[in-house]
């Protein structure tokens, strides 16, 4: 996850997008990677995400690793289909988690 954080921070810095405030990226099973949180530069971040295969690829790699850990820690548990994976980037560092919710494409 730290490599993903470094890549995102570098790319956003090149666009003059600052953290803080924190940003929350989310990917749901039927949605593309998008920005979930409010941010003063939201439109710039969404434009950057649109078609950004490199960031989407790294996000998916982190998501798969977290899914493996979650499955290993919860053997036999079936997770909700509407479970979405989030990566939050804060000034204190990244945070990753799953949340059951409906994903609304931006």
N, C-alpha and C. Protein backbone atom coordinates (compact mmCIF):
# COMPACT_ATOMS: atom_id res chain seq x y z
N UNK A 1 0.82 -1.18 0.00
CA UNK A 1 0.00 0.00 0.00
C UNK A 1 0.87 1.25 0.00
N UNK A 2 2.05 1.17 0.58
CA UNK A 2 2.91 2.35 0.62
C UNK A 2 3.36 2.76 -0.78
N UNK A 3 3.59 1.78 -1.67
CA UNK A 3 3.98 2.11 -3.05
C UNK A 3 2.83 2.83 -3.76
N UNK A 4 1.61 2.38 -3.55
CA UNK A 4 0.45 3.03 -4.13
C UNK A 4 0.36 4.48 -3.62
N UNK A 5 0.53 4.66 -2.34
CA UNK A 5 0.47 5.99 -1.75
C UNK A 5 1.52 6.92 -2.35
N UNK A 6 2.72 6.42 -2.52
CA UNK A 6 3.80 7.23 -3.10
C UNK A 6 3.45 7.65 -4.53
N UNK A 7 2.98 6.71 -5.32
CA UNK A 7 2.63 7.00 -6.72
C UNK A 7 1.53 8.06 -6.78
N UNK A 8 0.48 7.87 -6.01
CA UNK A 8 -0.64 8.81 -6.02
C UNK A 8 -0.18 10.19 -5.56
N UNK A 9 0.56 10.24 -4.47
CA UNK A 9 1.02 11.53 -3.95
C UNK A 9 1.90 12.26 -4.98
N UNK A 10 2.79 11.52 -5.64
CA UNK A 10 3.66 12.14 -6.65
C UNK A 10 2.84 12.68 -7.82
N UNK A 11 1.91 11.87 -8.31
CA UNK A 11 1.10 12.31 -9.44
C UNK A 11 0.20 13.49 -9.08
N UNK A 12 -0.40 13.45 -7.88
CA UNK A 12 -1.24 14.57 -7.46
C UNK A 12 -0.42 15.83 -7.22
N UNK A 13 0.77 15.67 -6.67
CA UNK A 13 1.64 16.83 -6.45
C UNK A 13 1.98 17.51 -7.78
N UNK A 14 2.18 16.70 -8.82
CA UNK A 14 2.50 17.27 -10.14
C UNK A 14 1.32 18.07 -10.70
N UNK A 15 0.11 17.82 -10.17
CA UNK A 15 -1.09 18.55 -10.58
C UNK A 15 -1.44 19.66 -9.58
N UNK A 16 -0.56 19.86 -8.60
CA UNK A 16 -0.77 20.85 -7.53
C UNK A 16 -1.98 20.53 -6.67
N UNK A 17 -2.25 19.24 -6.48
CA UNK A 17 -3.32 18.79 -5.58
C UNK A 17 -2.67 18.47 -4.24
N UNK A 18 -3.21 19.03 -3.19
CA UNK A 18 -2.60 18.87 -1.88
C UNK A 18 -3.36 17.88 -0.99
N UNK A 19 -2.60 17.24 -0.11
CA UNK A 19 -3.12 16.40 0.96
C UNK A 19 -2.41 16.89 2.23
N UNK A 20 -3.07 17.48 3.20
CA UNK A 20 -4.51 17.54 3.39
C UNK A 20 -5.17 18.57 2.50
N UNK A 21 -6.48 18.48 2.42
CA UNK A 21 -7.36 17.51 3.08
C UNK A 21 -7.19 16.12 2.48
N UNK A 22 -7.59 15.15 3.27
CA UNK A 22 -7.47 13.75 2.86
C UNK A 22 -8.33 13.46 1.64
N UNK A 23 -7.94 12.43 0.91
CA UNK A 23 -8.76 11.94 -0.20
C UNK A 23 -9.08 10.48 0.06
N UNK A 24 -10.25 10.06 -0.39
CA UNK A 24 -10.67 8.68 -0.24
C UNK A 24 -11.01 8.14 -1.62
N UNK A 25 -10.24 7.16 -2.06
CA UNK A 25 -10.49 6.51 -3.34
C UNK A 25 -11.24 5.21 -3.08
N UNK A 26 -12.18 4.89 -3.96
CA UNK A 26 -13.00 3.71 -3.76
C UNK A 26 -13.20 2.99 -5.09
N UNK A 27 -13.30 1.66 -4.99
CA UNK A 27 -13.60 0.83 -6.14
C UNK A 27 -14.61 -0.22 -5.71
N UNK A 28 -15.70 -0.28 -6.44
CA UNK A 28 -16.73 -1.28 -6.18
C UNK A 28 -16.73 -2.28 -7.33
N UNK A 29 -17.42 -3.38 -7.13
CA UNK A 29 -17.38 -4.46 -8.12
C UNK A 29 -17.85 -4.01 -9.51
N UNK A 30 -18.79 -3.09 -9.58
CA UNK A 30 -19.30 -2.68 -10.88
C UNK A 30 -18.97 -1.22 -11.21
N UNK A 31 -18.04 -0.64 -10.48
CA UNK A 31 -17.70 0.77 -10.66
C UNK A 31 -16.20 0.94 -10.93
N UNK A 32 -15.88 2.02 -11.58
CA UNK A 32 -14.48 2.35 -11.78
C UNK A 32 -13.95 3.01 -10.53
N UNK A 33 -12.65 3.10 -10.45
CA UNK A 33 -12.00 3.80 -9.36
C UNK A 33 -12.44 5.25 -9.37
N UNK A 34 -12.88 5.75 -8.21
CA UNK A 34 -13.36 7.13 -8.13
C UNK A 34 -13.02 7.74 -6.78
N UNK A 35 -13.26 9.01 -6.68
CA UNK A 35 -13.04 9.77 -5.45
C UNK A 35 -14.33 9.77 -4.66
N UNK A 36 -14.27 9.31 -3.43
CA UNK A 36 -15.47 9.28 -2.60
C UNK A 36 -15.59 10.54 -1.74
N UNK A 37 -14.50 11.07 -1.32
CA UNK A 37 -14.51 12.20 -0.39
C UNK A 37 -14.65 13.54 -1.09
N UNK A 38 -15.05 14.52 -0.32
CA UNK A 38 -15.09 15.89 -0.82
C UNK A 38 -13.67 16.45 -0.70
N UNK A 39 -13.27 17.23 -1.67
CA UNK A 39 -11.95 17.84 -1.68
C UNK A 39 -12.05 19.12 -2.48
N UNK A 40 -11.36 20.19 -2.09
CA UNK A 40 -11.46 21.44 -2.83
C UNK A 40 -11.04 21.30 -4.30
N UNK A 41 -10.23 20.31 -4.62
CA UNK A 41 -9.78 20.08 -5.99
C UNK A 41 -10.39 18.81 -6.58
N UNK A 42 -11.61 18.53 -6.17
CA UNK A 42 -12.32 17.31 -6.56
C UNK A 42 -12.36 17.12 -8.08
N UNK A 43 -12.72 18.16 -8.82
CA UNK A 43 -12.82 18.04 -10.27
C UNK A 43 -11.47 17.68 -10.90
N UNK A 44 -10.41 18.26 -10.40
CA UNK A 44 -9.07 17.96 -10.91
C UNK A 44 -8.69 16.51 -10.61
N UNK A 45 -9.03 16.04 -9.41
CA UNK A 45 -8.72 14.66 -9.03
C UNK A 45 -9.52 13.68 -9.89
N UNK A 46 -10.80 13.96 -10.10
CA UNK A 46 -11.63 13.07 -10.93
C UNK A 46 -11.12 13.04 -12.37
N UNK A 47 -10.71 14.17 -12.89
CA UNK A 47 -10.15 14.21 -14.26
C UNK A 47 -8.87 13.39 -14.32
N UNK A 48 -8.05 13.47 -13.29
CA UNK A 48 -6.81 12.70 -13.22
C UNK A 48 -7.10 11.20 -13.15
N UNK A 49 -8.13 10.81 -12.40
CA UNK A 49 -8.48 9.40 -12.27
C UNK A 49 -9.05 8.82 -13.56
N UNK A 50 -9.76 9.63 -14.33
CA UNK A 50 -10.42 9.16 -15.54
C UNK A 50 -9.41 8.60 -16.54
N UNK A 51 -9.47 7.30 -16.75
CA UNK A 51 -8.57 6.64 -17.70
C UNK A 51 -7.16 6.44 -17.20
N UNK A 52 -6.92 6.67 -15.91
CA UNK A 52 -5.58 6.50 -15.35
C UNK A 52 -5.36 5.02 -15.03
N UNK A 53 -4.94 4.27 -16.03
CA UNK A 53 -4.76 2.82 -15.88
C UNK A 53 -3.67 2.46 -14.88
N UNK A 54 -2.64 3.27 -14.79
CA UNK A 54 -1.53 2.98 -13.87
C UNK A 54 -2.02 2.99 -12.42
N UNK A 55 -2.74 4.02 -12.04
CA UNK A 55 -3.24 4.12 -10.67
C UNK A 55 -4.29 3.04 -10.42
N UNK A 56 -5.17 2.79 -11.39
CA UNK A 56 -6.19 1.76 -11.24
C UNK A 56 -5.54 0.39 -11.03
N UNK A 57 -4.45 0.12 -11.76
CA UNK A 57 -3.74 -1.16 -11.63
C UNK A 57 -3.16 -1.32 -10.23
N UNK A 58 -2.49 -0.30 -9.74
CA UNK A 58 -1.90 -0.39 -8.41
C UNK A 58 -2.97 -0.48 -7.33
N UNK A 59 -4.07 0.26 -7.51
CA UNK A 59 -5.18 0.18 -6.56
C UNK A 59 -5.70 -1.25 -6.50
N UNK A 60 -5.91 -1.86 -7.67
CA UNK A 60 -6.44 -3.23 -7.73
C UNK A 60 -5.48 -4.23 -7.07
N UNK A 61 -4.17 -4.02 -7.24
CA UNK A 61 -3.19 -4.91 -6.60
C UNK A 61 -3.32 -4.84 -5.08
N UNK A 62 -3.46 -3.64 -4.54
CA UNK A 62 -3.63 -3.49 -3.09
C UNK A 62 -4.94 -4.14 -2.66
N UNK A 63 -5.99 -3.91 -3.43
CA UNK A 63 -7.30 -4.49 -3.10
C UNK A 63 -7.23 -6.01 -3.03
N UNK A 64 -6.59 -6.63 -4.02
CA UNK A 64 -6.48 -8.10 -4.04
C UNK A 64 -5.71 -8.60 -2.82
N UNK A 65 -4.64 -7.94 -2.47
CA UNK A 65 -3.87 -8.34 -1.28
C UNK A 65 -4.73 -8.25 -0.02
N UNK A 66 -5.50 -7.19 0.11
CA UNK A 66 -6.36 -7.04 1.27
C UNK A 66 -7.49 -8.07 1.25
N UNK A 67 -7.98 -8.43 0.08
CA UNK A 67 -9.01 -9.47 -0.01
C UNK A 67 -8.47 -10.82 0.44
N UNK A 68 -7.25 -11.12 0.07
CA UNK A 68 -6.62 -12.38 0.49
C UNK A 68 -6.49 -12.41 2.01
N UNK A 69 -6.02 -11.32 2.59
CA UNK A 69 -5.88 -11.26 4.05
C UNK A 69 -7.24 -11.39 4.72
N UNK A 70 -8.24 -10.67 4.20
CA UNK A 70 -9.58 -10.72 4.79
C UNK A 70 -10.15 -12.13 4.71
N UNK A 71 -9.97 -12.80 3.57
CA UNK A 71 -10.48 -14.17 3.42
C UNK A 71 -9.77 -15.13 4.36
N UNK A 72 -8.48 -14.95 4.52
CA UNK A 72 -7.69 -15.81 5.40
C UNK A 72 -8.10 -15.62 6.86
N UNK A 73 -8.35 -14.39 7.24
CA UNK A 73 -8.74 -14.09 8.62
C UNK A 73 -10.18 -14.49 8.92
N UNK A 74 -10.99 -14.68 7.90
CA UNK A 74 -12.42 -14.96 8.08
C UNK A 74 -12.84 -16.19 7.28
N UNK A 75 -12.14 -17.29 7.50
CA UNK A 75 -12.42 -18.52 6.76
C UNK A 75 -13.89 -18.91 6.85
N UNK A 76 -14.50 -19.20 5.72
CA UNK A 76 -15.88 -19.65 5.68
C UNK A 76 -16.91 -18.54 5.66
N UNK A 77 -16.47 -17.30 5.79
CA UNK A 77 -17.41 -16.17 5.79
C UNK A 77 -17.66 -15.73 4.35
N UNK A 78 -18.92 -15.49 4.04
CA UNK A 78 -19.27 -14.95 2.74
C UNK A 78 -19.50 -13.45 2.90
N UNK A 79 -18.80 -12.65 2.10
CA UNK A 79 -18.90 -11.21 2.21
C UNK A 79 -19.96 -10.67 1.25
N UNK A 80 -20.55 -9.57 1.62
CA UNK A 80 -21.58 -8.94 0.81
C UNK A 80 -21.03 -8.57 -0.57
N UNK A 81 -21.87 -8.73 -1.59
CA UNK A 81 -21.45 -8.40 -2.95
C UNK A 81 -21.23 -6.91 -3.14
N UNK A 82 -21.89 -6.10 -2.32
CA UNK A 82 -21.74 -4.65 -2.46
C UNK A 82 -20.66 -4.09 -1.55
N UNK A 83 -19.71 -4.95 -1.16
CA UNK A 83 -18.58 -4.52 -0.36
C UNK A 83 -17.57 -3.79 -1.24
N UNK A 84 -17.25 -2.57 -0.86
CA UNK A 84 -16.34 -1.73 -1.65
C UNK A 84 -15.02 -1.56 -0.90
N UNK A 85 -13.96 -1.45 -1.65
CA UNK A 85 -12.63 -1.27 -1.09
C UNK A 85 -12.25 0.20 -1.18
N UNK A 86 -11.73 0.72 -0.09
CA UNK A 86 -11.34 2.13 0.01
C UNK A 86 -9.86 2.25 0.36
N UNK A 87 -9.23 3.24 -0.20
CA UNK A 87 -7.91 3.66 0.27
C UNK A 87 -8.01 5.14 0.54
N UNK A 88 -7.76 5.50 1.78
CA UNK A 88 -7.74 6.89 2.18
C UNK A 88 -6.30 7.35 2.27
N UNK A 89 -6.03 8.51 1.71
CA UNK A 89 -4.69 9.09 1.79
C UNK A 89 -4.78 10.34 2.65
N UNK A 90 -4.08 10.30 3.78
CA UNK A 90 -4.11 11.40 4.74
C UNK A 90 -2.70 11.92 4.93
N UNK A 91 -2.59 13.04 5.61
CA UNK A 91 -1.26 13.58 5.90
C UNK A 91 -0.48 12.66 6.83
N UNK A 92 -1.18 11.81 7.58
CA UNK A 92 -0.53 10.86 8.49
C UNK A 92 -0.17 9.55 7.81
N UNK A 93 -0.65 9.34 6.58
CA UNK A 93 -0.36 8.11 5.85
C UNK A 93 -1.63 7.49 5.30
N UNK A 94 -1.49 6.36 4.59
CA UNK A 94 -2.65 5.72 3.96
C UNK A 94 -3.40 4.81 4.93
N UNK A 95 -4.67 4.61 4.62
CA UNK A 95 -5.50 3.67 5.37
C UNK A 95 -6.36 2.93 4.34
N UNK A 96 -6.54 1.64 4.53
CA UNK A 96 -7.33 0.83 3.60
C UNK A 96 -8.37 0.05 4.39
N UNK A 97 -9.57 -0.08 3.80
CA UNK A 97 -10.64 -0.81 4.47
C UNK A 97 -11.73 -1.19 3.48
N UNK A 98 -12.56 -2.16 3.88
CA UNK A 98 -13.73 -2.56 3.13
C UNK A 98 -14.95 -1.98 3.82
N UNK A 99 -15.96 -1.63 3.01
CA UNK A 99 -17.21 -1.13 3.57
C UNK A 99 -18.35 -1.64 2.69
N UNK A 100 -19.39 -2.15 3.33
CA UNK A 100 -20.57 -2.59 2.60
C UNK A 100 -21.42 -1.37 2.28
N UNK A 101 -21.62 -1.11 1.00
CA UNK A 101 -22.39 0.06 0.57
C UNK A 101 -22.73 -0.06 -0.89
N UNK A 102 -23.65 0.76 -1.30
CA UNK A 102 -23.94 0.88 -2.72
C UNK A 102 -22.97 1.88 -3.32
N UNK A 103 -22.35 1.53 -4.38
CA UNK A 103 -21.39 2.42 -5.05
C UNK A 103 -22.13 3.18 -6.14
N UNK A 104 -21.99 4.47 -6.11
CA UNK A 104 -22.61 5.32 -7.11
C UNK A 104 -21.52 5.89 -7.99
N UNK A 105 -21.51 5.55 -9.26
CA UNK A 105 -20.48 6.09 -10.15
C UNK A 105 -20.52 7.61 -10.20
N UNK A 106 -19.35 8.23 -10.26
CA UNK A 106 -19.25 9.69 -10.28
C UNK A 106 -19.32 10.21 -11.69
